[in-house]
């Protein structure tokens, strides 16, 4: 099992800030950095599932892609505004609380982590 202590976006934002970027610019950079990764992961997933896909799936894929893009655009726009005026303290407390929830569910045996 691999334990991830920080998200990719969190690591790139904090790294950018350590190199002198503002929160907003570091967050912009993090999102721009994610674009090729997300496109690559999508193409790879489609390639892996090519045998089970048919032309009748195309409309659903197009609608899902467009809807995802629009929702992501709205959320990222809101997040960039939020980041420009707020600190990361609330996010840090959220990560700590969520980490505790994950550990408790693991210790109680409610979730089984297996690869």
N, C-alpha and C. Protein backbone atom coordinates (compact mmCIF):
# COMPACT_ATOMS: atom_id res chain seq x y z
N UNK A 1 0.84 -1.17 0.00
CA UNK A 1 0.00 0.00 0.00
C UNK A 1 0.90 1.24 0.00
N UNK A 2 0.57 2.19 -0.85
CA UNK A 2 1.31 3.44 -0.92
C UNK A 2 0.52 4.50 -0.17
N UNK A 3 1.17 5.17 0.75
CA UNK A 3 0.52 6.23 1.52
C UNK A 3 0.93 7.57 0.93
N UNK A 4 -0.04 8.34 0.46
CA UNK A 4 0.23 9.64 -0.11
C UNK A 4 -0.06 10.70 0.94
N UNK A 5 0.93 11.50 1.27
CA UNK A 5 0.76 12.51 2.30
C UNK A 5 0.29 13.84 1.74
N UNK A 6 0.46 14.07 0.47
CA UNK A 6 0.02 15.33 -0.12
C UNK A 6 -0.51 15.05 -1.52
N UNK A 7 -1.46 15.85 -1.93
CA UNK A 7 -1.98 15.70 -3.28
C UNK A 7 -1.00 16.32 -4.28
N UNK A 8 -1.16 15.96 -5.54
CA UNK A 8 -0.32 16.53 -6.58
C UNK A 8 -0.52 18.04 -6.63
N UNK A 9 -1.76 18.47 -6.59
CA UNK A 9 -2.01 19.91 -6.66
C UNK A 9 -1.47 20.62 -5.42
N UNK A 10 -1.65 20.00 -4.26
CA UNK A 10 -1.12 20.61 -3.04
C UNK A 10 0.39 20.74 -3.08
N UNK A 11 1.05 19.71 -3.58
CA UNK A 11 2.51 19.73 -3.66
C UNK A 11 2.99 20.80 -4.64
N UNK A 12 2.32 20.93 -5.80
CA UNK A 12 2.77 21.93 -6.77
C UNK A 12 2.46 23.35 -6.31
N UNK A 13 1.34 23.53 -5.61
CA UNK A 13 1.01 24.87 -5.09
C UNK A 13 2.01 25.28 -4.01
N UNK A 14 2.25 24.39 -3.05
CA UNK A 14 3.20 24.72 -1.98
C UNK A 14 4.60 24.89 -2.55
N UNK A 15 4.99 24.04 -3.51
CA UNK A 15 6.30 24.19 -4.16
C UNK A 15 6.43 25.53 -4.85
N UNK A 16 5.40 25.93 -5.57
CA UNK A 16 5.43 27.25 -6.22
C UNK A 16 5.54 28.38 -5.23
N UNK A 17 4.81 28.26 -4.12
CA UNK A 17 4.88 29.31 -3.10
C UNK A 17 6.26 29.36 -2.45
N UNK A 18 6.89 28.20 -2.27
CA UNK A 18 8.24 28.17 -1.71
C UNK A 18 9.25 28.87 -2.63
N UNK A 19 8.95 28.87 -3.94
CA UNK A 19 9.83 29.55 -4.89
C UNK A 19 9.40 30.98 -5.16
N UNK A 20 8.51 31.51 -4.32
CA UNK A 20 8.18 32.92 -4.39
C UNK A 20 6.94 33.29 -5.18
N UNK A 21 6.20 32.30 -5.68
CA UNK A 21 4.98 32.62 -6.41
C UNK A 21 3.86 32.96 -5.43
N UNK A 22 2.95 33.81 -5.86
CA UNK A 22 1.78 34.11 -5.04
C UNK A 22 0.87 32.88 -5.02
N UNK A 23 -0.08 32.87 -4.08
CA UNK A 23 -1.01 31.74 -4.01
C UNK A 23 -1.76 31.58 -5.32
N UNK A 24 -2.23 32.68 -5.90
CA UNK A 24 -3.01 32.62 -7.13
C UNK A 24 -2.17 32.08 -8.29
N UNK A 25 -0.96 32.59 -8.46
CA UNK A 25 -0.10 32.15 -9.56
C UNK A 25 0.30 30.68 -9.37
N UNK A 26 0.61 30.30 -8.13
CA UNK A 26 0.97 28.91 -7.85
C UNK A 26 -0.20 27.98 -8.14
N UNK A 27 -1.42 28.42 -7.82
CA UNK A 27 -2.60 27.61 -8.09
C UNK A 27 -2.87 27.53 -9.59
N UNK A 28 -2.73 28.66 -10.29
CA UNK A 28 -2.85 28.64 -11.76
C UNK A 28 -1.87 27.64 -12.36
N UNK A 29 -0.63 27.71 -11.92
CA UNK A 29 0.41 26.80 -12.42
C UNK A 29 0.02 25.35 -12.17
N UNK A 30 -0.50 25.06 -10.99
CA UNK A 30 -0.88 23.70 -10.64
C UNK A 30 -1.97 23.19 -11.58
N UNK A 31 -2.96 24.03 -11.88
CA UNK A 31 -4.02 23.61 -12.78
C UNK A 31 -3.52 23.43 -14.21
N UNK A 32 -2.67 24.34 -14.66
CA UNK A 32 -2.11 24.19 -16.01
C UNK A 32 -1.26 22.93 -16.11
N UNK A 33 -0.55 22.61 -15.04
CA UNK A 33 0.29 21.41 -15.02
C UNK A 33 -0.56 20.14 -15.09
N UNK A 34 -1.78 20.21 -14.59
CA UNK A 34 -2.66 19.04 -14.58
C UNK A 34 -3.25 18.73 -15.94
N UNK A 35 -3.34 19.71 -16.83
CA UNK A 35 -4.02 19.51 -18.11
C UNK A 35 -3.42 18.37 -18.91
N UNK A 36 -2.11 18.33 -19.18
CA UNK A 36 -1.58 17.20 -19.96
C UNK A 36 -1.74 15.86 -19.24
N UNK A 37 -1.66 15.86 -17.92
CA UNK A 37 -1.82 14.62 -17.16
C UNK A 37 -3.24 14.09 -17.32
N UNK A 38 -4.22 14.97 -17.18
CA UNK A 38 -5.62 14.55 -17.31
C UNK A 38 -5.95 14.09 -18.73
N UNK A 39 -5.43 14.79 -19.72
CA UNK A 39 -5.66 14.37 -21.10
C UNK A 39 -5.01 13.01 -21.35
N UNK A 40 -3.78 12.85 -20.90
CA UNK A 40 -3.09 11.58 -21.07
C UNK A 40 -3.81 10.43 -20.38
N UNK A 41 -4.29 10.66 -19.16
CA UNK A 41 -5.01 9.62 -18.43
C UNK A 41 -6.31 9.26 -19.14
N UNK A 42 -6.99 10.26 -19.68
CA UNK A 42 -8.24 10.00 -20.41
C UNK A 42 -7.99 9.19 -21.67
N UNK A 43 -6.98 9.59 -22.43
CA UNK A 43 -6.65 8.86 -23.66
C UNK A 43 -6.25 7.42 -23.32
N UNK A 44 -5.45 7.25 -22.29
CA UNK A 44 -5.02 5.92 -21.89
C UNK A 44 -6.22 5.06 -21.46
N UNK A 45 -7.14 5.64 -20.69
CA UNK A 45 -8.33 4.89 -20.26
C UNK A 45 -9.18 4.47 -21.46
N UNK A 46 -9.36 5.39 -22.40
CA UNK A 46 -10.12 5.05 -23.60
C UNK A 46 -9.43 3.94 -24.40
N UNK A 47 -8.11 4.03 -24.49
CA UNK A 47 -7.35 3.01 -25.22
C UNK A 47 -7.49 1.64 -24.55
N UNK A 48 -7.41 1.60 -23.22
CA UNK A 48 -7.54 0.34 -22.50
C UNK A 48 -8.92 -0.28 -22.68
N UNK A 49 -9.94 0.54 -22.77
CA UNK A 49 -11.32 0.04 -22.87
C UNK A 49 -11.84 0.00 -24.30
N UNK A 50 -10.95 0.15 -25.27
CA UNK A 50 -11.38 0.24 -26.67
C UNK A 50 -12.17 -0.97 -27.13
N UNK A 51 -11.89 -2.13 -26.58
CA UNK A 51 -12.60 -3.34 -27.00
C UNK A 51 -14.06 -3.32 -26.56
N UNK A 52 -14.35 -2.66 -25.46
CA UNK A 52 -15.73 -2.65 -24.96
C UNK A 52 -16.51 -1.41 -25.41
N UNK A 53 -15.86 -0.50 -26.15
CA UNK A 53 -16.54 0.71 -26.62
C UNK A 53 -17.07 0.49 -28.03
N UNK A 54 -18.17 1.16 -28.32
CA UNK A 54 -18.72 1.12 -29.68
C UNK A 54 -19.10 2.54 -30.09
N UNK A 55 -19.45 2.72 -31.34
CA UNK A 55 -19.82 4.04 -31.84
C UNK A 55 -21.07 4.56 -31.14
N UNK A 56 -21.90 3.67 -30.62
CA UNK A 56 -23.10 4.11 -29.91
C UNK A 56 -22.77 4.77 -28.57
N UNK A 57 -21.54 4.56 -28.09
CA UNK A 57 -21.10 5.20 -26.85
C UNK A 57 -20.65 6.65 -27.07
N UNK A 58 -20.41 7.03 -28.31
CA UNK A 58 -19.85 8.34 -28.62
C UNK A 58 -20.70 9.50 -28.08
N UNK A 59 -22.02 9.52 -28.27
CA UNK A 59 -22.80 10.64 -27.73
C UNK A 59 -22.66 10.80 -26.21
N UNK A 60 -22.69 9.68 -25.50
CA UNK A 60 -22.54 9.75 -24.04
C UNK A 60 -21.16 10.26 -23.66
N UNK A 61 -20.13 9.82 -24.36
CA UNK A 61 -18.78 10.31 -24.08
C UNK A 61 -18.65 11.80 -24.34
N UNK A 62 -19.25 12.27 -25.45
CA UNK A 62 -19.19 13.69 -25.78
C UNK A 62 -19.94 14.52 -24.75
N UNK A 63 -21.16 14.11 -24.40
CA UNK A 63 -21.95 14.85 -23.40
C UNK A 63 -21.23 14.85 -22.05
N UNK A 64 -20.70 13.71 -21.65
CA UNK A 64 -19.97 13.63 -20.38
C UNK A 64 -18.73 14.51 -20.37
N UNK A 65 -18.01 14.52 -21.47
CA UNK A 65 -16.81 15.35 -21.57
C UNK A 65 -17.15 16.83 -21.51
N UNK A 66 -18.16 17.24 -22.26
CA UNK A 66 -18.57 18.66 -22.26
C UNK A 66 -19.08 19.07 -20.89
N UNK A 67 -19.92 18.25 -20.28
CA UNK A 67 -20.45 18.57 -18.95
C UNK A 67 -19.33 18.66 -17.92
N UNK A 68 -18.40 17.72 -17.97
CA UNK A 68 -17.26 17.74 -17.04
C UNK A 68 -16.42 18.99 -17.23
N UNK A 69 -16.18 19.35 -18.48
CA UNK A 69 -15.39 20.55 -18.77
C UNK A 69 -16.07 21.79 -18.21
N UNK A 70 -17.38 21.93 -18.45
CA UNK A 70 -18.10 23.12 -17.99
C UNK A 70 -18.13 23.22 -16.47
N UNK A 71 -18.41 22.11 -15.81
CA UNK A 71 -18.43 22.12 -14.34
C UNK A 71 -17.04 22.41 -13.78
N UNK A 72 -16.02 21.78 -14.36
CA UNK A 72 -14.65 22.02 -13.91
C UNK A 72 -14.27 23.49 -14.09
N UNK A 73 -14.67 24.07 -15.22
CA UNK A 73 -14.37 25.49 -15.48
C UNK A 73 -14.99 26.38 -14.42
N UNK A 74 -16.24 26.12 -14.06
CA UNK A 74 -16.93 26.91 -13.04
C UNK A 74 -16.25 26.75 -11.67
N UNK A 75 -15.95 25.51 -11.32
CA UNK A 75 -15.34 25.24 -10.01
C UNK A 75 -13.94 25.83 -9.92
N UNK A 76 -13.15 25.68 -10.98
CA UNK A 76 -11.79 26.23 -10.97
C UNK A 76 -11.83 27.75 -10.90
N UNK A 77 -12.75 28.37 -11.60
CA UNK A 77 -12.90 29.83 -11.54
C UNK A 77 -13.22 30.27 -10.11
N UNK A 78 -14.16 29.56 -9.46
CA UNK A 78 -14.50 29.88 -8.07
C UNK A 78 -13.29 29.66 -7.16
N UNK A 79 -12.60 28.54 -7.35
CA UNK A 79 -11.46 28.22 -6.49
C UNK A 79 -10.35 29.27 -6.63
N UNK A 80 -10.08 29.72 -7.84
CA UNK A 80 -9.04 30.73 -8.03
C UNK A 80 -9.41 32.04 -7.34
N UNK A 81 -10.68 32.41 -7.37
CA UNK A 81 -11.13 33.60 -6.63
C UNK A 81 -10.96 33.39 -5.13
N UNK A 82 -11.32 32.21 -4.66
CA UNK A 82 -11.21 31.88 -3.24
C UNK A 82 -9.76 31.92 -2.78
N UNK A 83 -8.88 31.32 -3.58
CA UNK A 83 -7.46 31.25 -3.24
C UNK A 83 -6.83 32.65 -3.17
N UNK A 84 -7.29 33.54 -4.04
CA UNK A 84 -6.73 34.89 -4.07
C UNK A 84 -7.02 35.66 -2.79
N UNK A 85 -8.09 35.29 -2.08
CA UNK A 85 -8.48 36.08 -0.90
C UNK A 85 -8.37 35.31 0.41
N UNK A 86 -8.22 34.00 0.37
CA UNK A 86 -8.21 33.18 1.58
C UNK A 86 -6.88 32.44 1.73
N UNK A 87 -6.63 31.99 2.94
CA UNK A 87 -5.42 31.19 3.16
C UNK A 87 -5.74 29.71 2.99
N UNK A 88 -4.73 28.89 3.12
CA UNK A 88 -4.90 27.44 2.99
C UNK A 88 -5.16 26.77 4.34
N UNK A 89 -5.42 27.54 5.39
CA UNK A 89 -5.61 26.98 6.72
C UNK A 89 -6.82 26.04 6.76
N UNK A 90 -7.94 26.48 6.18
CA UNK A 90 -9.13 25.62 6.21
C UNK A 90 -8.88 24.32 5.43
N UNK A 91 -8.15 24.39 4.33
CA UNK A 91 -7.83 23.19 3.56
C UNK A 91 -6.93 22.27 4.37
N UNK A 92 -5.99 22.84 5.10
CA UNK A 92 -5.09 22.03 5.92
C UNK A 92 -5.88 21.29 7.00
N UNK A 93 -6.81 21.97 7.67
CA UNK A 93 -7.62 21.31 8.69
C UNK A 93 -8.52 20.25 8.08
N UNK A 94 -9.05 20.51 6.89
CA UNK A 94 -9.85 19.50 6.19
C UNK A 94 -9.02 18.26 5.92
N UNK A 95 -7.79 18.44 5.43
CA UNK A 95 -6.92 17.30 5.13
C UNK A 95 -6.61 16.50 6.39
N UNK A 96 -6.38 17.19 7.50
CA UNK A 96 -6.09 16.50 8.76
C UNK A 96 -7.31 15.70 9.21
N UNK A 97 -8.49 16.32 9.18
CA UNK A 97 -9.72 15.64 9.60
C UNK A 97 -10.01 14.45 8.69
N UNK A 98 -9.87 14.62 7.40
CA UNK A 98 -10.13 13.53 6.46
C UNK A 98 -9.13 12.39 6.66
N UNK A 99 -7.89 12.73 6.92
CA UNK A 99 -6.87 11.72 7.20
C UNK A 99 -7.21 10.91 8.45
N UNK A 100 -7.71 11.59 9.46
CA UNK A 100 -8.11 10.89 10.69
C UNK A 100 -9.28 9.94 10.41
N UNK A 101 -10.25 10.41 9.63
CA UNK A 101 -11.38 9.55 9.26
C UNK A 101 -10.89 8.31 8.52
N UNK A 102 -9.98 8.48 7.59
CA UNK A 102 -9.45 7.34 6.84
C UNK A 102 -8.73 6.37 7.77
N UNK A 103 -7.90 6.89 8.67
CA UNK A 103 -7.18 6.01 9.60
C UNK A 103 -8.14 5.26 10.52
N UNK A 104 -9.16 5.94 11.03
CA UNK A 104 -10.12 5.29 11.92
C UNK A 104 -10.87 4.18 11.18
N UNK A 105 -11.31 4.45 9.96
CA UNK A 105 -12.04 3.41 9.21
C UNK A 105 -11.13 2.23 8.89
N UNK A 106 -9.86 2.50 8.67
CA UNK A 106 -8.91 1.43 8.41
C UNK A 106 -8.66 0.60 9.68
N UNK A 107 -8.42 1.30 10.80
CA UNK A 107 -8.17 0.60 12.06
C UNK A 107 -9.37 -0.23 12.50
N UNK A 108 -10.57 0.26 12.25
CA UNK A 108 -11.78 -0.47 12.63
C UNK A 108 -12.11 -1.61 11.66
N UNK A 109 -11.42 -1.66 10.55
CA UNK A 109 -11.66 -2.71 9.58
C UNK A 109 -12.84 -2.44 8.67
N UNK A 110 -13.37 -1.22 8.67
CA UNK A 110 -14.51 -0.87 7.82
C UNK A 110 -14.10 -0.76 6.36
N UNK A 111 -12.84 -0.39 6.13
CA UNK A 111 -12.31 -0.30 4.77
C UNK A 111 -11.07 -1.17 4.71
N UNK A 112 -11.00 -2.00 3.69
CA UNK A 112 -9.83 -2.87 3.52
C UNK A 112 -9.00 -2.34 2.37
N UNK A 113 -7.78 -1.94 2.66
CA UNK A 113 -6.89 -1.40 1.63
C UNK A 113 -6.10 -2.55 1.04
N UNK A 114 -6.33 -2.82 -0.21
CA UNK A 114 -5.61 -3.91 -0.88
C UNK A 114 -5.30 -3.48 -2.31
N UNK A 115 -4.21 -3.98 -2.81
CA UNK A 115 -3.85 -3.68 -4.20
C UNK A 115 -4.03 -4.88 -5.06
